[in-house]
Amino acid sequence: MSRNFYILAGSFLLFALVAGGMTLIPSSFQPGLPANGTLWRTIALVFLLLGLASALVGIMTNLFEQVDRHGEEARQAARRKRRRDRGF
């Protein structure tokens, strides 16, 4: 599940780089696109924030999955130990 958030974060960060690069291109090379540099900077900032937020969600999801996995392994080990102790 966290892998999907990492891919989403990478996509947002790539779009942020493209939008940031658009601020450096003169408006004559952008027919039909918004030529205002501040608009491109705002879009780049929004994409950057979305990318960072989705990366944070991916990290937190990965941490919680790891805790759940570790807890499940500990419960299974305790169950195996109880069964083994009863058998003797």
N, C-alpha and C. Protein backbone atom coordinates (compact mmCIF):
# COMPACT_ATOMS: atom_id res chain seq x y z
N MET A 1 0.82 -1.19 0.00
CA MET A 1 0.00 0.00 0.00
C MET A 1 0.87 1.26 0.00
N SER A 2 1.94 1.26 0.79
CA SER A 2 2.77 2.46 0.86
C SER A 2 3.49 2.73 -0.46
N ARG A 3 3.71 1.66 -1.23
CA ARG A 3 4.38 1.83 -2.53
C ARG A 3 3.56 2.73 -3.44
N ASN A 4 2.24 2.62 -3.37
CA ASN A 4 1.37 3.48 -4.18
C ASN A 4 1.54 4.95 -3.81
N PHE A 5 1.68 5.23 -2.52
CA PHE A 5 1.88 6.60 -2.09
C PHE A 5 3.24 7.13 -2.53
N TYR A 6 4.26 6.26 -2.53
CA TYR A 6 5.58 6.68 -3.01
C TYR A 6 5.54 7.02 -4.50
N ILE A 7 4.83 6.22 -5.27
CA ILE A 7 4.69 6.49 -6.71
C ILE A 7 3.93 7.80 -6.92
N LEU A 8 2.87 8.00 -6.15
CA LEU A 8 2.11 9.25 -6.24
C LEU A 8 2.98 10.45 -5.86
N ALA A 9 3.79 10.29 -4.82
CA ALA A 9 4.68 11.38 -4.40
C ALA A 9 5.70 11.68 -5.49
N GLY A 10 6.25 10.65 -6.11
CA GLY A 10 7.20 10.86 -7.19
C GLY A 10 6.57 11.57 -8.38
N SER A 11 5.34 11.22 -8.69
CA SER A 11 4.64 11.88 -9.79
C SER A 11 4.40 13.36 -9.49
N PHE A 12 3.94 13.64 -8.27
CA PHE A 12 3.72 15.04 -7.89
C PHE A 12 5.02 15.83 -7.92
N LEU A 13 6.10 15.24 -7.44
CA LEU A 13 7.38 15.95 -7.44
C LEU A 13 7.90 16.18 -8.85
N LEU A 14 7.66 15.21 -9.74
CA LEU A 14 8.04 15.41 -11.14
C LEU A 14 7.24 16.55 -11.76
N PHE A 15 5.94 16.59 -11.49
CA PHE A 15 5.12 17.69 -12.00
C PHE A 15 5.56 19.02 -11.40
N ALA A 16 5.99 19.01 -10.15
CA ALA A 16 6.48 20.24 -9.52
C ALA A 16 7.74 20.73 -10.22
N LEU A 17 8.62 19.80 -10.58
CA LEU A 17 9.82 20.20 -11.32
C LEU A 17 9.48 20.76 -12.70
N VAL A 18 8.53 20.13 -13.37
CA VAL A 18 8.12 20.63 -14.69
C VAL A 18 7.50 22.01 -14.56
N ALA A 19 6.61 22.19 -13.59
CA ALA A 19 5.98 23.49 -13.40
C ALA A 19 7.01 24.54 -12.98
N GLY A 20 7.98 24.14 -12.17
CA GLY A 20 9.04 25.07 -11.80
C GLY A 20 9.89 25.45 -12.99
N GLY A 21 10.13 24.50 -13.88
CA GLY A 21 10.88 24.79 -15.09
C GLY A 21 10.13 25.69 -16.04
N MET A 22 8.83 25.64 -16.00
CA MET A 22 8.02 26.50 -16.88
C MET A 22 8.17 27.97 -16.51
N THR A 23 8.55 28.27 -15.27
CA THR A 23 8.76 29.68 -14.90
C THR A 23 10.00 30.25 -15.59
N LEU A 24 10.92 29.38 -15.99
CA LEU A 24 12.16 29.84 -16.62
C LEU A 24 12.04 30.01 -18.13
N ILE A 25 10.98 29.45 -18.71
CA ILE A 25 10.80 29.50 -20.16
C ILE A 25 10.07 30.80 -20.53
N PRO A 26 10.55 31.51 -21.53
CA PRO A 26 9.85 32.75 -21.93
C PRO A 26 8.44 32.46 -22.44
N SER A 27 7.57 33.44 -22.31
CA SER A 27 6.16 33.24 -22.67
C SER A 27 5.98 33.02 -24.17
N SER A 28 6.93 33.42 -24.99
CA SER A 28 6.77 33.21 -26.44
C SER A 28 6.86 31.74 -26.81
N PHE A 29 7.48 30.92 -25.95
CA PHE A 29 7.57 29.48 -26.21
C PHE A 29 6.38 28.71 -25.66
N GLN A 30 5.44 29.41 -25.05
CA GLN A 30 4.29 28.76 -24.43
C GLN A 30 2.99 29.24 -25.04
N PRO A 31 2.73 28.97 -26.30
CA PRO A 31 1.47 29.44 -26.89
C PRO A 31 0.28 28.69 -26.29
N GLY A 32 -0.69 29.42 -25.86
CA GLY A 32 -1.90 28.83 -25.31
C GLY A 32 -1.79 28.43 -23.85
N LEU A 33 -0.62 28.59 -23.25
CA LEU A 33 -0.44 28.26 -21.84
C LEU A 33 -0.36 29.53 -21.02
N PRO A 34 -0.65 29.44 -19.74
CA PRO A 34 -0.53 30.64 -18.90
C PRO A 34 0.92 31.13 -18.89
N ALA A 35 1.13 32.38 -19.22
CA ALA A 35 2.48 32.92 -19.32
C ALA A 35 2.94 33.57 -18.03
N ASN A 36 2.06 33.65 -17.06
CA ASN A 36 2.39 34.31 -15.82
C ASN A 36 3.30 33.40 -14.99
N GLY A 37 4.50 33.89 -14.67
CA GLY A 37 5.46 33.08 -13.92
C GLY A 37 5.01 32.78 -12.50
N THR A 38 4.28 33.70 -11.90
CA THR A 38 3.82 33.45 -10.53
C THR A 38 2.78 32.34 -10.49
N LEU A 39 2.00 32.21 -11.54
CA LEU A 39 1.04 31.11 -11.60
C LEU A 39 1.76 29.78 -11.65
N TRP A 40 2.82 29.69 -12.47
CA TRP A 40 3.59 28.45 -12.54
C TRP A 40 4.29 28.15 -11.21
N ARG A 41 4.78 29.18 -10.54
CA ARG A 41 5.41 28.97 -9.24
C ARG A 41 4.39 28.47 -8.22
N THR A 42 3.19 29.02 -8.27
CA THR A 42 2.14 28.57 -7.35
C THR A 42 1.77 27.12 -7.63
N ILE A 43 1.64 26.77 -8.89
CA ILE A 43 1.32 25.39 -9.25
C ILE A 43 2.45 24.46 -8.81
N ALA A 44 3.70 24.89 -9.00
CA ALA A 44 4.84 24.08 -8.57
C ALA A 44 4.84 23.90 -7.06
N LEU A 45 4.52 24.95 -6.32
CA LEU A 45 4.46 24.86 -4.87
C LEU A 45 3.36 23.91 -4.42
N VAL A 46 2.21 23.98 -5.06
CA VAL A 46 1.10 23.08 -4.70
C VAL A 46 1.50 21.63 -4.99
N PHE A 47 2.10 21.37 -6.15
CA PHE A 47 2.54 20.01 -6.47
C PHE A 47 3.62 19.54 -5.49
N LEU A 48 4.51 20.43 -5.11
CA LEU A 48 5.55 20.07 -4.15
C LEU A 48 4.95 19.69 -2.80
N LEU A 49 4.00 20.49 -2.34
CA LEU A 49 3.35 20.19 -1.06
C LEU A 49 2.55 18.90 -1.13
N LEU A 50 1.87 18.66 -2.25
CA LEU A 50 1.14 17.40 -2.40
C LEU A 50 2.10 16.21 -2.43
N GLY A 51 3.22 16.37 -3.11
CA GLY A 51 4.21 15.30 -3.16
C GLY A 51 4.79 15.01 -1.78
N LEU A 52 5.10 16.04 -1.03
CA LEU A 52 5.64 15.83 0.32
C LEU A 52 4.59 15.21 1.24
N ALA A 53 3.35 15.63 1.11
CA ALA A 53 2.29 15.06 1.95
C ALA A 53 2.06 13.59 1.62
N SER A 54 2.05 13.24 0.34
CA SER A 54 1.83 11.84 -0.01
C SER A 54 3.04 10.99 0.37
N ALA A 55 4.25 11.55 0.33
CA ALA A 55 5.42 10.81 0.81
C ALA A 55 5.33 10.58 2.30
N LEU A 56 4.85 11.56 3.05
CA LEU A 56 4.67 11.39 4.49
C LEU A 56 3.63 10.32 4.78
N VAL A 57 2.54 10.32 4.04
CA VAL A 57 1.51 9.29 4.23
C VAL A 57 2.09 7.91 3.90
N GLY A 58 2.90 7.83 2.84
CA GLY A 58 3.53 6.57 2.49
C GLY A 58 4.47 6.08 3.57
N ILE A 59 5.24 6.98 4.16
CA ILE A 59 6.16 6.60 5.24
C ILE A 59 5.38 6.12 6.46
N MET A 60 4.34 6.86 6.83
CA MET A 60 3.54 6.47 8.00
C MET A 60 2.84 5.14 7.76
N THR A 61 2.33 4.93 6.56
CA THR A 61 1.68 3.66 6.23
C THR A 61 2.67 2.51 6.34
N ASN A 62 3.87 2.73 5.83
CA ASN A 62 4.90 1.69 5.90
C ASN A 62 5.26 1.38 7.35
N LEU A 63 5.37 2.40 8.19
CA LEU A 63 5.70 2.18 9.59
C LEU A 63 4.59 1.41 10.30
N PHE A 64 3.34 1.77 10.06
CA PHE A 64 2.24 1.07 10.71
C PHE A 64 2.12 -0.37 10.23
N GLU A 65 2.38 -0.61 8.94
CA GLU A 65 2.37 -1.98 8.44
C GLU A 65 3.48 -2.80 9.09
N GLN A 66 4.62 -2.19 9.29
CA GLN A 66 5.74 -2.89 9.92
C GLN A 66 5.41 -3.22 11.38
N VAL A 67 4.78 -2.30 12.09
CA VAL A 67 4.40 -2.56 13.47
C VAL A 67 3.37 -3.67 13.53
N ASP A 68 2.39 -3.66 12.64
CA ASP A 68 1.39 -4.72 12.61
C ASP A 68 2.03 -6.07 12.33
N ARG A 69 2.96 -6.10 11.38
CA ARG A 69 3.64 -7.34 11.03
C ARG A 69 4.45 -7.86 12.22
N HIS A 70 5.16 -6.95 12.90
CA HIS A 70 5.97 -7.35 14.04
C HIS A 70 5.08 -7.86 15.18
N GLY A 71 3.96 -7.19 15.42
CA GLY A 71 3.04 -7.62 16.46
C GLY A 71 2.44 -8.99 16.16
N GLU A 72 2.10 -9.22 14.91
CA GLU A 72 1.55 -10.52 14.51
C GLU A 72 2.59 -11.62 14.68
N GLU A 73 3.83 -11.34 14.31
CA GLU A 73 4.89 -12.34 14.49
C GLU A 73 5.12 -12.65 15.96
N ALA A 74 5.05 -11.63 16.82
CA ALA A 74 5.22 -11.85 18.26
C ALA A 74 4.07 -12.67 18.82
N ARG A 75 2.85 -12.41 18.37
CA ARG A 75 1.70 -13.20 18.84
C ARG A 75 1.82 -14.66 18.40
N GLN A 76 2.25 -14.89 17.16
CA GLN A 76 2.42 -16.26 16.69
C GLN A 76 3.53 -16.98 17.44
N ALA A 77 4.62 -16.28 17.74
CA ALA A 77 5.71 -16.89 18.49
C ALA A 77 5.26 -17.24 19.90
N ALA A 78 4.49 -16.37 20.53
CA ALA A 78 3.98 -16.66 21.88
C ALA A 78 3.01 -17.84 21.84
N ARG A 79 2.20 -17.91 20.81
CA ARG A 79 1.26 -19.03 20.68
C ARG A 79 2.00 -20.34 20.49
N ARG A 80 3.05 -20.32 19.66
CA ARG A 80 3.85 -21.53 19.46
C ARG A 80 4.53 -21.96 20.76
N LYS A 81 5.01 -20.99 21.54
CA LYS A 81 5.68 -21.32 22.79
C LYS A 81 4.70 -21.92 23.78
N ARG A 82 3.48 -21.39 23.87
CA ARG A 82 2.47 -21.95 24.78
C ARG A 82 2.11 -23.37 24.39
N ARG A 83 1.96 -23.61 23.07
CA ARG A 83 1.62 -24.95 22.62
C ARG A 83 2.74 -25.94 22.93
N ARG A 84 3.96 -25.49 22.76
CA ARG A 84 5.11 -26.34 23.03
C ARG A 84 5.22 -26.65 24.52
N ASP A 85 4.94 -25.65 25.36
CA ASP A 85 5.01 -25.85 26.81
C ASP A 85 3.92 -26.79 27.29
N ARG A 86 2.74 -26.74 26.69
CA ARG A 86 1.66 -27.66 27.07
C ARG A 86 1.98 -29.09 26.65
N GLY A 87 2.69 -29.22 25.58
CA GLY A 87 3.00 -30.56 25.05
C GLY A 87 3.95 -31.34 25.94
N PHE A 88 4.78 -30.67 26.72
CA PHE A 88 5.74 -31.38 27.56
C PHE A 88 5.20 -31.77 28.86
